[in-house]
Amino acid sequence: MSQKQYLKMLEREIQKINHQIDLKILRGENYAKEARDHKLLLKKVRYNSRKSFLKNLTEKLFPRFLKFQF
């Protein structure tokens, strides 16, 4: 599974949990378990997105035409 596919799957899971949380809030039920799951998934998304962010940042700071070829 590629990183892009993994992030997409995490986003879908977050949307499902958000929906469950919304329904529980409307019903006045406790949603602590879902909130923990949501927090964990967000942490995973941030961790995997940070790698992409750093890669993009380095490419912007050091474009190809400035790299030396040996």
N, C-alpha and C. Protein backbone atom coordinates (compact mmCIF):
# COMPACT_ATOMS: atom_id res chain seq x y z
N MET A 1 0.85 -1.17 0.00
CA MET A 1 0.00 0.00 0.00
C MET A 1 0.91 1.24 0.00
N SER A 2 0.66 2.13 -0.92
CA SER A 2 1.47 3.35 -0.99
C SER A 2 1.08 4.31 0.13
N GLN A 3 1.93 5.28 0.36
CA GLN A 3 1.66 6.26 1.40
C GLN A 3 0.40 7.06 1.09
N LYS A 4 0.21 7.35 -0.17
CA LYS A 4 -0.98 8.11 -0.58
C LYS A 4 -2.25 7.31 -0.29
N GLN A 5 -2.24 6.02 -0.60
CA GLN A 5 -3.39 5.16 -0.33
C GLN A 5 -3.64 5.04 1.17
N TYR A 6 -2.55 4.93 1.94
CA TYR A 6 -2.66 4.81 3.39
C TYR A 6 -3.30 6.08 3.98
N LEU A 7 -2.85 7.24 3.52
CA LEU A 7 -3.42 8.50 4.01
C LEU A 7 -4.89 8.61 3.63
N LYS A 8 -5.24 8.16 2.45
CA LYS A 8 -6.64 8.19 2.01
C LYS A 8 -7.50 7.29 2.90
N MET A 9 -6.97 6.10 3.24
CA MET A 9 -7.70 5.19 4.11
C MET A 9 -7.89 5.81 5.50
N LEU A 10 -6.84 6.45 6.02
CA LEU A 10 -6.94 7.11 7.31
C LEU A 10 -7.99 8.22 7.29
N GLU A 11 -8.02 8.98 6.20
CA GLU A 11 -9.01 10.06 6.07
C GLU A 11 -10.43 9.50 6.08
N ARG A 12 -10.64 8.37 5.39
CA ARG A 12 -11.97 7.74 5.40
C ARG A 12 -12.36 7.29 6.80
N GLU A 13 -11.41 6.71 7.52
CA GLU A 13 -11.68 6.27 8.89
C GLU A 13 -12.01 7.46 9.79
N ILE A 14 -11.31 8.55 9.61
CA ILE A 14 -11.58 9.76 10.39
C ILE A 14 -12.98 10.27 10.11
N GLN A 15 -13.39 10.24 8.84
CA GLN A 15 -14.73 10.69 8.49
C GLN A 15 -15.80 9.81 9.14
N LYS A 16 -15.57 8.49 9.16
CA LYS A 16 -16.53 7.58 9.79
C LYS A 16 -16.65 7.88 11.29
N ILE A 17 -15.50 8.06 11.93
CA ILE A 17 -15.51 8.34 13.36
C ILE A 17 -16.16 9.68 13.64
N ASN A 18 -15.90 10.68 12.80
CA ASN A 18 -16.55 11.98 12.96
C ASN A 18 -18.07 11.85 12.91
N HIS A 19 -18.53 11.03 11.99
CA HIS A 19 -19.98 10.81 11.86
C HIS A 19 -20.53 10.15 13.12
N GLN A 20 -19.82 9.14 13.62
CA GLN A 20 -20.25 8.47 14.85
C GLN A 20 -20.29 9.44 16.02
N ILE A 21 -19.25 10.29 16.12
CA ILE A 21 -19.20 11.27 17.21
C ILE A 21 -20.37 12.24 17.10
N ASP A 22 -20.63 12.72 15.90
CA ASP A 22 -21.75 13.64 15.69
C ASP A 22 -23.08 13.03 16.14
N LEU A 23 -23.31 11.77 15.76
CA LEU A 23 -24.55 11.11 16.16
C LEU A 23 -24.65 10.95 17.68
N LYS A 24 -23.54 10.60 18.30
CA LYS A 24 -23.55 10.43 19.75
C LYS A 24 -23.78 11.77 20.46
N ILE A 25 -23.21 12.83 19.93
CA ILE A 25 -23.43 14.15 20.52
C ILE A 25 -24.92 14.51 20.43
N LEU A 26 -25.51 14.27 19.26
CA LEU A 26 -26.94 14.58 19.10
C LEU A 26 -27.82 13.77 20.05
N ARG A 27 -27.41 12.53 20.33
CA ARG A 27 -28.18 11.67 21.22
C ARG A 27 -27.82 11.90 22.69
N GLY A 28 -26.77 12.70 22.93
CA GLY A 28 -26.35 12.96 24.30
C GLY A 28 -25.58 11.82 24.94
N GLU A 29 -24.95 11.00 24.11
CA GLU A 29 -24.20 9.85 24.62
C GLU A 29 -22.73 10.20 24.79
N ASN A 30 -22.03 9.36 25.55
CA ASN A 30 -20.59 9.53 25.75
C ASN A 30 -19.85 9.09 24.49
N TYR A 31 -18.87 9.88 24.07
CA TYR A 31 -18.12 9.56 22.85
C TYR A 31 -16.61 9.56 23.10
N ALA A 32 -16.20 9.25 24.34
CA ALA A 32 -14.78 9.27 24.70
C ALA A 32 -13.95 8.27 23.88
N LYS A 33 -14.47 7.07 23.66
CA LYS A 33 -13.74 6.05 22.90
C LYS A 33 -13.49 6.53 21.47
N GLU A 34 -14.52 7.08 20.86
CA GLU A 34 -14.38 7.58 19.49
C GLU A 34 -13.40 8.76 19.43
N ALA A 35 -13.42 9.59 20.45
CA ALA A 35 -12.50 10.74 20.49
C ALA A 35 -11.06 10.26 20.56
N ARG A 36 -10.81 9.21 21.35
CA ARG A 36 -9.45 8.64 21.43
C ARG A 36 -9.03 8.08 20.08
N ASP A 37 -9.92 7.34 19.43
CA ASP A 37 -9.62 6.78 18.11
C ASP A 37 -9.32 7.89 17.10
N HIS A 38 -10.13 8.94 17.16
CA HIS A 38 -9.96 10.08 16.25
C HIS A 38 -8.59 10.72 16.46
N LYS A 39 -8.22 10.91 17.71
CA LYS A 39 -6.93 11.53 18.04
C LYS A 39 -5.77 10.68 17.52
N LEU A 40 -5.88 9.36 17.70
CA LEU A 40 -4.84 8.45 17.24
C LEU A 40 -4.70 8.50 15.71
N LEU A 41 -5.82 8.50 15.01
CA LEU A 41 -5.77 8.56 13.55
C LEU A 41 -5.17 9.87 13.07
N LEU A 42 -5.53 10.98 13.72
CA LEU A 42 -4.96 12.27 13.34
C LEU A 42 -3.45 12.28 13.55
N LYS A 43 -3.00 11.65 14.62
CA LYS A 43 -1.56 11.57 14.89
C LYS A 43 -0.86 10.80 13.77
N LYS A 44 -1.49 9.72 13.31
CA LYS A 44 -0.92 8.93 12.21
C LYS A 44 -0.86 9.74 10.93
N VAL A 45 -1.93 10.50 10.65
CA VAL A 45 -1.96 11.33 9.44
C VAL A 45 -0.85 12.38 9.50
N ARG A 46 -0.73 13.04 10.65
CA ARG A 46 0.31 14.07 10.79
C ARG A 46 1.70 13.49 10.65
N TYR A 47 1.93 12.33 11.25
CA TYR A 47 3.25 11.69 11.18
C TYR A 47 3.61 11.37 9.73
N ASN A 48 2.67 10.80 8.99
CA ASN A 48 2.94 10.43 7.60
C ASN A 48 2.96 11.63 6.67
N SER A 49 2.20 12.66 6.98
CA SER A 49 2.20 13.86 6.14
C SER A 49 3.46 14.68 6.36
N ARG A 50 4.00 14.61 7.57
CA ARG A 50 5.19 15.39 7.88
C ARG A 50 6.35 14.97 7.00
N LYS A 51 6.46 13.67 6.73
CA LYS A 51 7.53 13.18 5.87
C LYS A 51 7.39 13.79 4.48
N SER A 52 6.17 13.83 3.96
CA SER A 52 5.93 14.42 2.65
C SER A 52 6.24 15.91 2.68
N PHE A 53 5.83 16.57 3.77
CA PHE A 53 6.06 18.00 3.90
C PHE A 53 7.55 18.30 3.88
N LEU A 54 8.33 17.52 4.65
CA LEU A 54 9.77 17.75 4.69
C LEU A 54 10.42 17.48 3.34
N LYS A 55 9.94 16.48 2.65
CA LYS A 55 10.48 16.17 1.32
C LYS A 55 10.19 17.34 0.37
N ASN A 56 8.95 17.84 0.38
CA ASN A 56 8.60 18.97 -0.48
C ASN A 56 9.39 20.22 -0.12
N LEU A 57 9.59 20.44 1.18
CA LEU A 57 10.32 21.61 1.62
C LEU A 57 11.76 21.57 1.13
N THR A 58 12.41 20.40 1.24
CA THR A 58 13.79 20.29 0.77
C THR A 58 13.88 20.49 -0.74
N GLU A 59 12.89 19.99 -1.45
CA GLU A 59 12.91 20.18 -2.90
C GLU A 59 12.74 21.66 -3.26
N LYS A 60 11.97 22.38 -2.47
CA LYS A 60 11.79 23.81 -2.73
C LYS A 60 13.03 24.60 -2.34
N LEU A 61 13.68 24.21 -1.24
CA LEU A 61 14.87 24.92 -0.80
C LEU A 61 16.08 24.60 -1.67
N PHE A 62 16.14 23.38 -2.16
CA PHE A 62 17.28 22.96 -2.98
C PHE A 62 16.76 22.41 -4.31
N PRO A 63 16.35 23.29 -5.20
CA PRO A 63 15.83 22.81 -6.48
C PRO A 63 16.89 22.02 -7.26
N ARG A 64 16.42 21.26 -8.19
CA ARG A 64 17.30 20.36 -8.95
C ARG A 64 18.44 21.10 -9.67
N PHE A 65 18.15 22.27 -10.17
CA PHE A 65 19.19 22.95 -10.94
C PHE A 65 20.34 23.44 -10.05
N LEU A 66 20.15 23.50 -8.74
CA LEU A 66 21.22 23.87 -7.83
C LEU A 66 22.02 22.68 -7.33
N LYS A 67 21.49 21.49 -7.51
CA LYS A 67 22.20 20.29 -7.03
C LYS A 67 23.36 19.99 -7.97
N PHE A 68 24.45 19.63 -7.35
CA PHE A 68 25.64 19.29 -8.13
C PHE A 68 25.59 17.84 -8.51
N GLN A 69 26.04 17.54 -9.70
CA GLN A 69 26.11 16.16 -10.14
C GLN A 69 27.56 15.74 -10.18
N PHE A 70 27.85 14.61 -9.58
CA PHE A 70 29.24 14.12 -9.57
C PHE A 70 29.37 12.90 -10.43
